[in-house]
C-alpha atoms as a PDB file:
ATOM      1  CA  UNK A   1     -46.188 118.519  16.873  1.00  0.00           C
ATOM      2  CA  UNK A   2     -44.882 116.829  19.995  1.00  0.00           C
ATOM      3  CA  UNK A   3     -42.076 114.835  18.374  1.00  0.00           C
ATOM      4  CA  UNK A   4     -41.188 113.186  21.674  1.00  0.00           C
ATOM      5  CA  UNK A   5     -44.690 111.810  22.080  1.00  0.00           C
ATOM      6  CA  UNK A   6     -44.927 110.320  18.609  1.00  0.00           C
ATOM      7  CA  UNK A   7     -41.353 108.981  18.671  1.00  0.00           C
ATOM      8  CA  UNK A   8     -41.902 107.239  22.002  1.00  0.00           C
ATOM      9  CA  UNK A   9     -45.205 105.750  20.941  1.00  0.00           C
ATOM     10  CA  UNK A  10     -43.851 104.433  17.649  1.00  0.00           C
ATOM     11  CA  UNK A  11     -40.722 102.994  19.237  1.00  0.00           C
ATOM     12  CA  UNK A  12     -42.615 101.213  21.982  1.00  0.00           C
ATOM     13  CA  UNK A  13     -45.336  99.961  19.638  1.00  0.00           C
ATOM     14  CA  UNK A  14     -42.539  98.372  17.604  1.00  0.00           C
ATOM     15  CA  UNK A  15     -42.250  95.806  20.387  1.00  0.00           C
ATOM     16  CA  UNK A  16     -45.571  94.399  19.228  1.00  0.00           C
ATOM     17  CA  UNK A  17     -44.703  93.965  15.546  1.00  0.00           C
ATOM     18  CA  UNK A  18     -42.007  92.354  13.464  1.00  0.00           C
ATOM     19  CA  UNK A  19     -39.264  94.842  12.614  1.00  0.00           C
ATOM     20  CA  UNK A  20     -35.814  94.827  11.063  1.00  0.00           C
ATOM     21  CA  UNK A  21     -33.083  96.557  13.055  1.00  0.00           C
ATOM     22  CA  UNK A  22     -29.821  97.292  11.239  1.00  0.00           C
ATOM     23  CA  UNK A  23     -26.779  98.338  13.262  1.00  0.00           C
ATOM     24  CA  UNK A  24     -24.365 100.249  11.017  1.00  0.00           C
ATOM     25  CA  UNK A  25     -20.774 101.255  11.754  1.00  0.00           C
ATOM     26  CA  UNK A  26     -18.574 103.113   9.252  1.00  0.00           C
ATOM     27  CA  UNK A  27     -14.954 103.515  10.398  1.00  0.00           C
ATOM     28  CA  UNK A  28     -12.561 105.950   8.695  1.00  0.00           C
ATOM     29  CA  UNK A  29      -8.778 105.633   8.321  1.00  0.00           C
ATOM     30  CA  UNK A  30      -8.144 107.720  11.442  1.00  0.00           C
ATOM     31  CA  UNK A  31     -10.521 105.663  13.614  1.00  0.00           C
ATOM     32  CA  UNK A  32     -13.372 108.175  13.605  1.00  0.00           C
ATOM     33  CA  UNK A  33     -16.663 107.288  12.019  1.00  0.00           C
ATOM     34  CA  UNK A  34     -20.429 107.124  12.096  1.00  0.00           C
ATOM     35  CA  UNK A  35     -22.750 104.811  13.986  1.00  0.00           C
ATOM     36  CA  UNK A  36     -26.455 104.308  13.347  1.00  0.00           C
ATOM     37  CA  UNK A  37     -29.328 101.967  14.002  1.00  0.00           C
ATOM     38  CA  UNK A  38     -32.051 101.799  11.354  1.00  0.00           C
ATOM     39  CA  UNK A  39     -35.448 100.474  12.319  1.00  0.00           C
ATOM     40  CA  UNK A  40     -37.826  99.417   9.557  1.00  0.00           C
ATOM     41  CA  UNK A  41     -41.204  99.149  11.222  1.00  0.00           C
ATOM     42  CA  UNK A  42     -43.327  99.341   8.096  1.00  0.00           C
ATOM     43  CA  UNK A  43     -45.277  96.307   9.304  1.00  0.00           C
ATOM     44  CA  UNK A  44     -46.242  98.493  12.269  1.00  0.00           C
ATOM     45  CA  UNK A  45     -48.106 100.828   9.909  1.00  0.00           C
ATOM     46  CA  UNK A  46     -49.794  97.920   8.170  1.00  0.00           C
ATOM     47  CA  UNK A  47     -50.913  96.239  11.396  1.00  0.00           C
ATOM     48  CA  UNK A  48     -51.533  99.146  13.781  1.00  0.00           C
ATOM     49  CA  UNK A  49     -52.701 102.016  11.608  1.00  0.00           C
ATOM     50  CA  UNK A  50     -56.041 102.356  13.391  1.00  0.00           C
ATOM     51  CA  UNK A  51     -54.409 102.165  16.822  1.00  0.00           C
ATOM     52  CA  UNK A  52     -51.934 104.853  15.836  1.00  0.00           C
ATOM     53  CA  UNK A  53     -54.803 107.038  14.718  1.00  0.00           C
ATOM     54  CA  UNK A  54     -56.614 106.612  18.023  1.00  0.00           C
ATOM     55  CA  UNK A  55     -53.515 107.307  20.136  1.00  0.00           C
ATOM     56  CA  UNK A  56     -51.882 110.064  18.130  1.00  0.00           C
ATOM     57  CA  UNK A  57     -54.916 111.823  16.676  1.00  0.00           C
ATOM     58  CA  UNK A  58     -54.333 114.082  13.674  1.00  0.00           C
ATOM     59  CA  UNK A  59     -50.531 113.706  13.927  1.00  0.00           C
ATOM     60  CA  UNK A  60     -50.726 110.048  12.897  1.00  0.00           C
ATOM     61  CA  UNK A  61     -52.559 110.974   9.672  1.00  0.00           C
ATOM     62  CA  UNK A  62     -49.792 113.296   8.526  1.00  0.00           C
ATOM     63  CA  UNK A  63     -46.869 112.191   6.388  1.00  0.00           C
ATOM     64  CA  UNK A  64     -43.743 112.796   8.439  1.00  0.00           C
ATOM     65  CA  UNK A  65     -40.176 113.265   7.221  1.00  0.00           C
ATOM     66  CA  UNK A  66     -38.296 115.024   9.956  1.00  0.00           C
ATOM     67  CA  UNK A  67     -34.862 115.192  11.537  1.00  0.00           C
ATOM     68  CA  UNK A  68     -34.115 116.330  15.079  1.00  0.00           C
ATOM     69  CA  UNK A  69     -31.781 115.578  17.977  1.00  0.00           C
ATOM     70  CA  UNK A  70     -32.414 113.930  21.313  1.00  0.00           C
ATOM     71  CA  UNK A  71     -31.011 117.061  22.917  1.00  0.00           C
ATOM     72  CA  UNK A  72     -34.022 118.956  21.583  1.00  0.00           C
ATOM     73  CA  UNK A  73     -36.408 116.318  22.883  1.00  0.00           C
ATOM     74  CA  UNK A  74     -34.813 116.263  26.312  1.00  0.00           C
ATOM     75  CA  UNK A  75     -35.238 120.029  26.587  1.00  0.00           C
ATOM     76  CA  UNK A  76     -38.975 119.448  26.243  1.00  0.00           C
ATOM     77  CA  UNK A  77     -38.882 116.800  28.997  1.00  0.00           C
ATOM     78  CA  UNK A  78     -36.307 118.477  31.264  1.00  0.00           C
ATOM     79  CA  UNK A  79     -38.650 118.655  34.268  1.00  0.00           C
ATOM     80  CA  UNK A  80     -39.408 114.944  34.081  1.00  0.00           C
ATOM     81  CA  UNK A  81     -35.733 114.083  33.562  1.00  0.00           C
ATOM     82  CA  UNK A  82     -34.779 116.067  36.676  1.00  0.00           C
ATOM     83  CA  UNK A  83     -36.959 113.701  38.740  1.00  0.00           C
ATOM     84  CA  UNK A  84     -35.120 110.586  37.531  1.00  0.00           C
ATOM     85  CA  UNK A  85     -32.297 108.889  39.411  1.00  0.00           C
ATOM     86  CA  UNK A  86     -28.733 110.042  38.617  1.00  0.00           C
ATOM     87  CA  UNK A  87     -28.154 106.668  36.904  1.00  0.00           C
ATOM     88  CA  UNK A  88     -31.189 107.084  34.628  1.00  0.00           C
ATOM     89  CA  UNK A  89     -30.192 110.663  33.796  1.00  0.00           C
ATOM     90  CA  UNK A  90     -26.686 109.483  32.877  1.00  0.00           C
ATOM     91  CA  UNK A  91     -28.179 106.869  30.537  1.00  0.00           C
ATOM     92  CA  UNK A  92     -30.282 109.474  28.778  1.00  0.00           C
ATOM     93  CA  UNK A  93     -27.335 111.856  28.458  1.00  0.00           C
ATOM     94  CA  UNK A  94     -25.612 109.250  26.257  1.00  0.00           C
ATOM     95  CA  UNK A  95     -28.329 109.893  23.684  1.00  0.00           C
ATOM     96  CA  UNK A  96     -27.915 113.678  23.504  1.00  0.00           C
ATOM     97  CA  UNK A  97     -25.735 113.715  20.381  1.00  0.00           C
ATOM     98  CA  UNK A  98     -27.866 111.241  18.450  1.00  0.00           C
ATOM     99  CA  UNK A  99     -29.786 112.547  15.460  1.00  0.00           C
ATOM    100  CA  UNK A 100     -33.192 111.016  14.754  1.00  0.00           C
ATOM    101  CA  UNK A 101     -34.653 110.849  11.272  1.00  0.00           C
ATOM    102  CA  UNK A 102     -38.232 109.620  11.078  1.00  0.00           C
ATOM    103  CA  UNK A 103     -40.241 108.884   7.950  1.00  0.00           C
ATOM    104  CA  UNK A 104     -43.865 107.887   8.339  1.00  0.00           C
ATOM    105  CA  UNK A 105     -46.426 107.541   5.578  1.00  0.00           C
ATOM    106  CA  UNK A 106     -49.712 105.951   6.589  1.00  0.00           C
ATOM    107  CA  UNK A 107     -50.977 105.641   3.004  1.00  0.00           C
ATOM    108  CA  UNK A 108     -47.846 103.805   1.854  1.00  0.00           C
ATOM    109  CA  UNK A 109     -47.660 101.828   5.149  1.00  0.00           C
ATOM    110  CA  UNK A 110     -44.127 103.126   5.711  1.00  0.00           C
ATOM    111  CA  UNK A 111     -42.357 103.732   8.994  1.00  0.00           C
ATOM    112  CA  UNK A 112     -38.574 104.140   9.006  1.00  0.00           C
ATOM    113  CA  UNK A 113     -36.505 105.525  11.861  1.00  0.00           C
ATOM    114  CA  UNK A 114     -32.740 106.093  11.967  1.00  0.00           C
ATOM    115  CA  UNK A 115     -30.758 107.019  15.060  1.00  0.00           C
ATOM    116  CA  UNK A 116     -27.226 108.146  14.194  1.00  0.00           C
ATOM    117  CA  UNK A 117     -24.189 109.816  15.702  1.00  0.00           C
ATOM    118  CA  UNK A 118     -20.564 110.542  14.808  1.00  0.00           C
ATOM    119  CA  UNK A 119     -17.791 109.119  16.986  1.00  0.00           C
ATOM    120  CA  UNK A 120     -14.122 109.826  17.559  1.00  0.00           C
ATOM    121  CA  UNK A 121     -13.375 106.253  18.623  1.00  0.00           C
ATOM    122  CA  UNK A 122     -15.508 103.096  18.527  1.00  0.00           C
ATOM    123  CA  UNK A 123     -14.778 102.630  22.245  1.00  0.00           C
ATOM    124  CA  UNK A 124     -17.250 105.488  22.839  1.00  0.00           C
ATOM    125  CA  UNK A 125     -20.171 103.501  21.486  1.00  0.00           C
ATOM    126  CA  UNK A 126     -22.810 101.726  23.530  1.00  0.00           C
ATOM    127  CA  UNK A 127     -25.866  99.597  22.890  1.00  0.00           C
ATOM    128  CA  UNK A 128     -28.307 102.174  21.563  1.00  0.00           C
ATOM    129  CA  UNK A 129     -31.416 100.011  22.046  1.00  0.00           C
ATOM    130  CA  UNK A 130     -30.635  99.457  25.710  1.00  0.00           C
ATOM    131  CA  UNK A 131     -30.098 103.181  26.145  1.00  0.00           C
ATOM    132  CA  UNK A 132     -33.359 103.892  24.323  1.00  0.00           C
ATOM    133  CA  UNK A 133     -35.193 101.756  26.866  1.00  0.00           C
ATOM    134  CA  UNK A 134     -34.344 104.428  29.452  1.00  0.00           C
ATOM    135  CA  UNK A 135     -36.757 106.743  27.605  1.00  0.00           C
ATOM    136  CA  UNK A 136     -39.657 104.646  28.819  1.00  0.00           C
ATOM    137  CA  UNK A 137     -39.136 105.956  32.336  1.00  0.00           C
ATOM    138  CA  UNK A 138     -40.300 109.351  31.075  1.00  0.00           C
ATOM    139  CA  UNK A 139     -43.649 108.045  29.873  1.00  0.00           C
ATOM    140  CA  UNK A 140     -45.019 106.369  33.012  1.00  0.00           C
ATOM    141  CA  UNK A 141     -48.763 106.178  32.887  1.00  0.00           C
ATOM    142  CA  UNK A 142     -49.008 106.829  29.159  1.00  0.00           C
ATOM    143  CA  UNK A 143     -50.648 104.424  26.747  1.00  0.00           C
ATOM    144  CA  UNK A 144     -47.272 103.601  25.236  1.00  0.00           C
ATOM    145  CA  UNK A 145     -45.599 102.868  28.542  1.00  0.00           C
ATOM    146  CA  UNK A 146     -48.364 100.541  29.694  1.00  0.00           C
ATOM    147  CA  UNK A 147     -48.371  98.418  26.556  1.00  0.00           C
ATOM    148  CA  UNK A 148     -47.302  94.766  26.844  1.00  0.00           C
ATOM    149  CA  UNK A 149     -43.525  94.372  26.503  1.00  0.00           C
ATOM    150  CA  UNK A 150     -42.990  98.135  26.558  1.00  0.00           C
ATOM    151  CA  UNK A 151     -40.223  97.678  29.115  1.00  0.00           C
ATOM    152  CA  UNK A 152     -38.498  94.828  27.318  1.00  0.00           C
ATOM    153  CA  UNK A 153     -37.088  96.115  24.029  1.00  0.00           C
ATOM    154  CA  UNK A 154     -33.334  96.505  24.300  1.00  0.00           C
ATOM    155  CA  UNK A 155     -33.050  95.172  27.831  1.00  0.00           C
ATOM    156  CA  UNK A 156     -30.919  92.066  27.237  1.00  0.00           C
ATOM    157  CA  UNK A 157     -28.935  92.158  30.502  1.00  0.00           C
ATOM    158  CA  UNK A 158     -25.562  92.778  28.896  1.00  0.00           C
ATOM    159  CA  UNK A 159     -22.958  95.483  28.335  1.00  0.00           C
ATOM    160  CA  UNK A 160     -21.755  95.977  24.778  1.00  0.00           C
ATOM    161  CA  UNK A 161     -18.168  96.968  23.957  1.00  0.00           C
ATOM    162  CA  UNK A 162     -16.441  97.748  20.645  1.00  0.00           C
ATOM    163  CA  UNK A 163     -12.697  97.922  19.997  1.00  0.00           C
ATOM    164  CA  UNK A 164     -10.639  98.811  16.919  1.00  0.00           C
ATOM    165  CA  UNK A 165      -6.873  99.296  16.634  1.00  0.00           C
ATOM    166  CA  UNK A 166      -6.341  99.077  12.876  1.00  0.00           C
ATOM    167  CA  UNK A 167      -5.356  95.412  13.072  1.00  0.00           C
ATOM    168  CA  UNK A 168      -8.442  93.952  14.702  1.00  0.00           C
ATOM    169  CA  UNK A 169     -12.052  94.902  15.399  1.00  0.00           C
ATOM    170  CA  UNK A 170     -14.187  93.286  18.100  1.00  0.00           C
ATOM    171  CA  UNK A 171     -17.841  93.457  19.056  1.00  0.00           C
ATOM    172  CA  UNK A 172     -18.383  91.915  22.481  1.00  0.00           C
ATOM    173  CA  UNK A 173     -21.480  91.787  24.663  1.00  0.00           C
ATOM    174  CA  UNK A 174     -20.725  90.822  28.262  1.00  0.00           C
ATOM    175  CA  UNK A 175     -23.720  89.305  30.032  1.00  0.00           C
ATOM    176  CA  UNK A 176     -24.511  90.620  33.515  1.00  0.00           C
ATOM    177  CA  UNK A 177     -25.027  87.308  35.298  1.00  0.00           C
ATOM    178  CA  UNK A 178     -26.327  89.033  38.426  1.00  0.00           C
ATOM    179  CA  UNK A 179     -29.136  90.776  36.539  1.00  0.00           C
ATOM    180  CA  UNK A 180     -29.873  87.544  34.722  1.00  0.00           C
ATOM    181  CA  UNK A 181     -30.206  85.700  38.035  1.00  0.00           C
ATOM    182  CA  UNK A 182     -32.439  88.413  39.477  1.00  0.00           C
ATOM    183  CA  UNK A 183     -34.725  88.455  36.443  1.00  0.00           C
ATOM    184  CA  UNK A 184     -38.229  87.355  37.376  1.00  0.00           C
ATOM    185  CA  UNK A 185     -40.199  85.392  34.734  1.00  0.00           C
ATOM    186  CA  UNK A 186     -43.435  87.090  33.708  1.00  0.00           C
ATOM    187  CA  UNK A 187     -46.534  86.132  31.769  1.00  0.00           C
ATOM    188  CA  UNK A 188     -45.369  88.077  28.702  1.00  0.00           C
ATOM    189  CA  UNK A 189     -42.269  85.898  28.194  1.00  0.00           C
ATOM    190  CA  UNK A 190     -43.878  83.537  25.684  1.00  0.00           C
ATOM    191  CA  UNK A 191     -45.443  86.449  23.810  1.00  0.00           C
ATOM    192  CA  UNK A 192     -42.117  88.271  23.576  1.00  0.00           C
ATOM    193  CA  UNK A 193     -40.383  85.198  22.159  1.00  0.00           C
ATOM    194  CA  UNK A 194     -43.058  84.859  19.504  1.00  0.00           C
ATOM    195  CA  UNK A 195     -42.854  88.526  18.517  1.00  0.00           C
ATOM    196  CA  UNK A 196     -39.066  88.783  18.593  1.00  0.00           C
ATOM    197  CA  UNK A 197     -38.770  85.565  16.577  1.00  0.00           C
ATOM    198  CA  UNK A 198     -40.332  87.342  13.606  1.00  0.00           C
ATOM    199  CA  UNK A 199     -37.940  90.291  13.854  1.00  0.00           C
ATOM    200  CA  UNK A 200     -34.383  90.531  12.557  1.00  0.00           C
ATOM    201  CA  UNK A 201     -31.193  92.178  13.811  1.00  0.00           C
ATOM    202  CA  UNK A 202     -28.576  92.950  11.152  1.00  0.00           C
ATOM    203  CA  UNK A 203     -24.979  94.070  11.650  1.00  0.00           C
ATOM    204  CA  UNK A 204     -23.462  95.988   8.737  1.00  0.00           C
ATOM    205  CA  UNK A 205     -19.939  97.310   9.303  1.00  0.00           C
ATOM    206  CA  UNK A 206     -17.635  99.126   6.870  1.00  0.00           C
ATOM    207  CA  UNK A 207     -13.886  99.332   7.511  1.00  0.00           C
ATOM    208  CA  UNK A 208     -11.043 101.333   5.891  1.00  0.00           C
ATOM    209  CA  UNK A 209      -9.026  98.154   5.266  1.00  0.00           C
ATOM    210  CA  UNK A 210      -9.663  94.872   3.495  1.00  0.00           C
ATOM    211  CA  UNK A 211     -10.827  92.099   5.781  1.00  0.00           C
ATOM    212  CA  UNK A 212      -8.623  89.048   6.137  1.00  0.00           C
ATOM    213  CA  UNK A 213     -11.026  86.919   8.192  1.00  0.00           C
ATOM    214  CA  UNK A 214     -14.092  87.084  10.446  1.00  0.00           C
ATOM    215  CA  UNK A 215     -14.774  84.764  13.360  1.00  0.00           C
ATOM    216  CA  UNK A 216     -18.449  84.442  12.361  1.00  0.00           C
ATOM    217  CA  UNK A 217     -18.768  82.008   9.424  1.00  0.00           C
ATOM    218  CA  UNK A 218     -22.101  83.531   8.359  1.00  0.00           C
ATOM    219  CA  UNK A 219     -20.597  86.937   7.570  1.00  0.00           C
ATOM    220  CA  UNK A 220     -21.220  88.167   4.020  1.00  0.00           C
ATOM    221  CA  UNK A 221     -18.541  90.285   2.337  1.00  0.00           C
ATOM    222  CA  UNK A 222     -18.856  93.201  -0.049  1.00  0.00           C
ATOM    223  CA  UNK A 223     -17.015  92.958  -3.366  1.00  0.00           C
ATOM    224  CA  UNK A 224     -14.098  95.034  -2.047  1.00  0.00           C
ATOM    225  CA  UNK A 225     -13.989  92.980   1.211  1.00  0.00           C
ATOM    226  CA  UNK A 226     -14.245  96.126   3.314  1.00  0.00           C
ATOM    227  CA  UNK A 227     -17.858  95.658   4.406  1.00  0.00           C
ATOM    228  CA  UNK A 228     -19.428  92.733   6.234  1.00  0.00           C
ATOM    229  CA  UNK A 229     -23.092  91.975   6.866  1.00  0.00           C
ATOM    230  CA  UNK A 230     -24.320  89.458   9.434  1.00  0.00           C
ATOM    231  CA  UNK A 231     -27.990  88.700  10.055  1.00  0.00           C
ATOM    232  CA  UNK A 232     -29.451  87.289  13.268  1.00  0.00           C
ATOM    233  CA  UNK A 233     -32.912  86.537  14.627  1.00  0.00           C
ATOM    234  CA  UNK A 234     -33.853  89.307  17.061  1.00  0.00           C
ATOM    235  CA  UNK A 235     -34.245  86.609  19.716  1.00  0.00           C
ATOM    236  CA  UNK A 236     -30.447  86.194  19.673  1.00  0.00           C
ATOM    237  CA  UNK A 237     -29.977  89.887  20.419  1.00  0.00           C
ATOM    238  CA  UNK A 238     -32.518  89.771  23.246  1.00  0.00           C
ATOM    239  CA  UNK A 239     -31.864  86.379  24.858  1.00  0.00           C
ATOM    240  CA  UNK A 240     -28.290  85.487  23.888  1.00  0.00           C
ATOM    241  CA  UNK A 241     -26.516  88.749  23.059  1.00  0.00           C
ATOM    242  CA  UNK A 242     -23.109  87.082  23.237  1.00  0.00           C
ATOM    243  CA  UNK A 243     -24.053  85.162  20.067  1.00  0.00           C
ATOM    244  CA  UNK A 244     -23.509  88.470  18.246  1.00  0.00           C
ATOM    245  CA  UNK A 245     -19.886  88.654  19.431  1.00  0.00           C
ATOM    246  CA  UNK A 246     -17.218  88.394  16.745  1.00  0.00           C
ATOM    247  CA  UNK A 247     -13.734  89.510  15.713  1.00  0.00           C
ATOM    248  CA  UNK A 248     -12.430  90.877  12.439  1.00  0.00           C
ATOM    249  CA  UNK A 249      -8.803  90.732  11.351  1.00  0.00           C
ATOM    250  CA  UNK A 250      -7.525  92.939   8.541  1.00  0.00           C
ATOM    251  CA  UNK A 251      -4.989  92.490   5.802  1.00  0.00           C
ATOM    252  CA  UNK A 252      -1.645  94.183   6.395  1.00  0.00           C
END
């Protein structure tokens, strides 16, 4: 099976359905940890089962539970990657160490995808959805790449930074005002707002210390006060990414 083909198609088709994205960070005592983004696109299977069958053929009818790395996928597409600009190649390289787990069951209308990686310091992390959008450059001319909104998921004109020093944690998206000014309105804008409005972006972060306070008043705490969960409309992530900025202070 061409995992790259089915992964790209499913990810891009997710722009046309309501999905739940959960950004997870688990930080250990020494500052290392694990980062992942879970995408629950089960509504995709319920709404687009026939389309998936037409586009993917026999592969779409199989139950899939597989784990692989982007490094493996990029080996398959190395000739196409070599034709990209140095900037686009650098963006893709950031994905090399991510592991992808995909579960798809057409009969149960299930589609779950997790992208995860280990990190030595949270400063290493970047916005995975924006980086994923670079994959679309490899599928020019395909059915997935020409779908409405296929170039929009993850592209929110910002740069995301994380910091953690044991006393404070910050998540900060800095908006690129130049890109925002250069952005040209298109006919799909109203459609994208409608679709993204039905999707959700969840932040779920676990820390090695008890949390003293969080700057976002909507944060929900675990019983041990080491985990916080904050839920946003996906439109906030796409149109106002700085709304997802917050700080966490820890107990001494």
